[in-house]
Amino acid sequence: MDLLEEVLELVAKFATLGGGLWLVWGVVILAGGLKDKNGPALQSGIWQIIGGGLIVAAAALFSTVAP
């Protein structure tokens, strides 16, 4: 049972890290779209930021629910 808890904790940490990186990359895309006044890049950046935030939130929820 100890191994399962460690694996679930590791998965939650990686998901949080991956979601954070996805969110930061979305900010970079959004900034590039703002600089160039590029509508599709703005939309893509915003959705990527939202997606990264959802991944981080899901990982945080998963870490609290895991046994």
N, C-alpha and C. Protein backbone atom coordinates (compact mmCIF):
# COMPACT_ATOMS: atom_id res chain seq x y z
N MET A 1 0.82 -1.20 0.00
CA MET A 1 0.00 0.00 0.00
C MET A 1 0.86 1.26 0.00
N ASP A 2 2.01 1.17 0.62
CA ASP A 2 2.92 2.32 0.67
C ASP A 2 3.41 2.69 -0.73
N LEU A 3 3.69 1.69 -1.54
CA LEU A 3 4.16 1.94 -2.90
C LEU A 3 3.09 2.63 -3.74
N LEU A 4 1.84 2.22 -3.57
CA LEU A 4 0.73 2.84 -4.31
C LEU A 4 0.60 4.31 -3.97
N GLU A 5 0.71 4.64 -2.69
CA GLU A 5 0.61 6.04 -2.26
C GLU A 5 1.75 6.87 -2.84
N GLU A 6 2.94 6.30 -2.87
CA GLU A 6 4.09 7.02 -3.42
C GLU A 6 3.93 7.25 -4.92
N VAL A 7 3.42 6.25 -5.63
CA VAL A 7 3.21 6.38 -7.07
C VAL A 7 2.15 7.43 -7.35
N LEU A 8 1.06 7.41 -6.61
CA LEU A 8 -0.01 8.40 -6.82
C LEU A 8 0.48 9.81 -6.50
N GLU A 9 1.29 9.94 -5.47
CA GLU A 9 1.86 11.24 -5.13
C GLU A 9 2.79 11.74 -6.23
N LEU A 10 3.58 10.83 -6.79
CA LEU A 10 4.49 11.19 -7.87
C LEU A 10 3.73 11.61 -9.13
N VAL A 11 2.66 10.89 -9.44
CA VAL A 11 1.82 11.24 -10.59
C VAL A 11 1.21 12.62 -10.40
N ALA A 12 0.73 12.89 -9.19
CA ALA A 12 0.13 14.20 -8.91
C ALA A 12 1.17 15.32 -9.05
N LYS A 13 2.41 15.06 -8.61
CA LYS A 13 3.46 16.08 -8.72
C LYS A 13 3.79 16.35 -10.19
N PHE A 14 3.91 15.27 -10.99
CA PHE A 14 4.22 15.45 -12.41
C PHE A 14 3.08 16.16 -13.14
N ALA A 15 1.84 15.83 -12.78
CA ALA A 15 0.70 16.49 -13.41
C ALA A 15 0.68 17.98 -13.05
N THR A 16 0.99 18.30 -11.81
CA THR A 16 1.05 19.71 -11.40
C THR A 16 2.16 20.44 -12.14
N LEU A 17 3.32 19.81 -12.24
CA LEU A 17 4.43 20.42 -12.96
C LEU A 17 4.10 20.60 -14.44
N GLY A 18 3.55 19.57 -15.05
CA GLY A 18 3.17 19.65 -16.47
C GLY A 18 2.11 20.71 -16.73
N GLY A 19 1.11 20.78 -15.86
CA GLY A 19 0.07 21.80 -16.01
C GLY A 19 0.63 23.21 -15.84
N GLY A 20 1.56 23.35 -14.91
CA GLY A 20 2.19 24.66 -14.72
C GLY A 20 3.01 25.08 -15.93
N LEU A 21 3.73 24.15 -16.50
CA LEU A 21 4.50 24.46 -17.71
C LEU A 21 3.57 24.79 -18.88
N TRP A 22 2.48 24.05 -18.99
CA TRP A 22 1.50 24.30 -20.06
C TRP A 22 0.90 25.71 -19.89
N LEU A 23 0.61 26.08 -18.64
CA LEU A 23 0.06 27.41 -18.36
C LEU A 23 1.06 28.50 -18.71
N VAL A 24 2.32 28.31 -18.33
CA VAL A 24 3.35 29.32 -18.62
C VAL A 24 3.55 29.46 -20.13
N TRP A 25 3.55 28.33 -20.85
CA TRP A 25 3.70 28.40 -22.30
C TRP A 25 2.51 29.12 -22.93
N GLY A 26 1.33 28.95 -22.35
CA GLY A 26 0.16 29.69 -22.83
C GLY A 26 0.32 31.19 -22.66
N VAL A 27 0.95 31.60 -21.57
CA VAL A 27 1.22 33.03 -21.35
C VAL A 27 2.19 33.54 -22.41
N VAL A 28 3.19 32.73 -22.76
CA VAL A 28 4.15 33.13 -23.79
C VAL A 28 3.43 33.30 -25.14
N ILE A 29 2.56 32.36 -25.48
CA ILE A 29 1.81 32.45 -26.73
C ILE A 29 0.89 33.67 -26.72
N LEU A 30 0.24 33.90 -25.58
CA LEU A 30 -0.65 35.06 -25.46
C LEU A 30 0.14 36.36 -25.63
N ALA A 31 1.31 36.45 -25.02
CA ALA A 31 2.12 37.66 -25.14
C ALA A 31 2.56 37.88 -26.59
N GLY A 32 2.92 36.81 -27.27
CA GLY A 32 3.29 36.94 -28.69
C GLY A 32 2.12 37.39 -29.53
N GLY A 33 0.93 36.88 -29.23
CA GLY A 33 -0.27 37.30 -29.96
C GLY A 33 -0.62 38.75 -29.70
N LEU A 34 -0.41 39.21 -28.46
CA LEU A 34 -0.67 40.61 -28.14
C LEU A 34 0.31 41.52 -28.86
N LYS A 35 1.57 41.09 -28.93
CA LYS A 35 2.59 41.90 -29.59
C LYS A 35 2.29 42.06 -31.08
N ASP A 36 1.89 40.96 -31.72
CA ASP A 36 1.63 40.98 -33.15
C ASP A 36 0.19 41.33 -33.51
N LYS A 37 -0.66 41.48 -32.50
CA LYS A 37 -2.09 41.72 -32.71
C LYS A 37 -2.69 40.63 -33.60
N ASN A 38 -2.39 39.38 -33.21
CA ASN A 38 -2.81 38.21 -33.95
C ASN A 38 -3.95 37.53 -33.19
N GLY A 39 -5.16 37.61 -33.73
CA GLY A 39 -6.34 37.07 -33.07
C GLY A 39 -6.29 35.59 -32.76
N PRO A 40 -5.95 34.74 -33.73
CA PRO A 40 -5.90 33.30 -33.44
C PRO A 40 -4.85 32.95 -32.38
N ALA A 41 -3.73 33.65 -32.35
CA ALA A 41 -2.72 33.38 -31.32
C ALA A 41 -3.24 33.80 -29.94
N LEU A 42 -4.00 34.90 -29.90
CA LEU A 42 -4.60 35.32 -28.63
C LEU A 42 -5.54 34.25 -28.10
N GLN A 43 -6.40 33.76 -28.98
CA GLN A 43 -7.36 32.74 -28.60
C GLN A 43 -6.65 31.47 -28.15
N SER A 44 -5.64 31.06 -28.88
CA SER A 44 -4.89 29.86 -28.54
C SER A 44 -4.20 30.01 -27.18
N GLY A 45 -3.60 31.16 -26.94
CA GLY A 45 -2.94 31.40 -25.67
C GLY A 45 -3.89 31.38 -24.50
N ILE A 46 -5.05 32.00 -24.68
CA ILE A 46 -6.04 32.03 -23.60
C ILE A 46 -6.52 30.62 -23.28
N TRP A 47 -6.83 29.83 -24.32
CA TRP A 47 -7.31 28.47 -24.08
C TRP A 47 -6.21 27.60 -23.47
N GLN A 48 -4.97 27.84 -23.83
CA GLN A 48 -3.88 27.07 -23.26
C GLN A 48 -3.70 27.41 -21.79
N ILE A 49 -3.85 28.68 -21.43
CA ILE A 49 -3.77 29.09 -20.03
C ILE A 49 -4.89 28.42 -19.23
N ILE A 50 -6.09 28.43 -19.77
CA ILE A 50 -7.21 27.79 -19.09
C ILE A 50 -6.96 26.30 -18.92
N GLY A 51 -6.46 25.66 -19.98
CA GLY A 51 -6.17 24.23 -19.91
C GLY A 51 -5.11 23.91 -18.87
N GLY A 52 -4.06 24.70 -18.82
CA GLY A 52 -3.01 24.49 -17.82
C GLY A 52 -3.54 24.66 -16.41
N GLY A 53 -4.39 25.66 -16.22
CA GLY A 53 -5.00 25.86 -14.90
C GLY A 53 -5.88 24.69 -14.50
N LEU A 54 -6.62 24.15 -15.46
CA LEU A 54 -7.47 22.99 -15.17
C LEU A 54 -6.65 21.75 -14.84
N ILE A 55 -5.53 21.57 -15.51
CA ILE A 55 -4.65 20.43 -15.21
C ILE A 55 -4.09 20.56 -13.80
N VAL A 56 -3.65 21.75 -13.43
CA VAL A 56 -3.12 21.98 -12.09
C VAL A 56 -4.21 21.74 -11.04
N ALA A 57 -5.42 22.24 -11.31
CA ALA A 57 -6.52 22.04 -10.37
C ALA A 57 -6.88 20.57 -10.23
N ALA A 58 -6.91 19.85 -11.35
CA ALA A 58 -7.23 18.43 -11.31
C ALA A 58 -6.16 17.65 -10.54
N ALA A 59 -4.90 18.01 -10.73
CA ALA A 59 -3.82 17.35 -10.00
C ALA A 59 -3.91 17.61 -8.52
N ALA A 60 -4.27 18.84 -8.15
CA ALA A 60 -4.43 19.17 -6.72
C ALA A 60 -5.60 18.39 -6.13
N LEU A 61 -6.68 18.29 -6.88
CA LEU A 61 -7.83 17.53 -6.41
C LEU A 61 -7.48 16.05 -6.30
N PHE A 62 -6.75 15.53 -7.29
CA PHE A 62 -6.34 14.13 -7.29
C PHE A 62 -5.46 13.82 -6.08
N SER A 63 -4.58 14.73 -5.72
CA SER A 63 -3.67 14.49 -4.60
C SER A 63 -4.42 14.48 -3.27
N THR A 64 -5.55 15.19 -3.18
CA THR A 64 -6.31 15.17 -1.94
C THR A 64 -7.23 13.95 -1.85
N VAL A 65 -7.65 13.43 -3.00
CA VAL A 65 -8.56 12.29 -3.02
C VAL A 65 -7.81 10.97 -2.93
N ALA A 66 -6.58 10.95 -3.41
CA ALA A 66 -5.79 9.70 -3.42
C ALA A 66 -5.63 9.16 -2.01
N PRO A 67 -5.65 7.82 -1.86
CA PRO A 67 -5.59 7.21 -0.51
C PRO A 67 -4.32 7.50 0.18
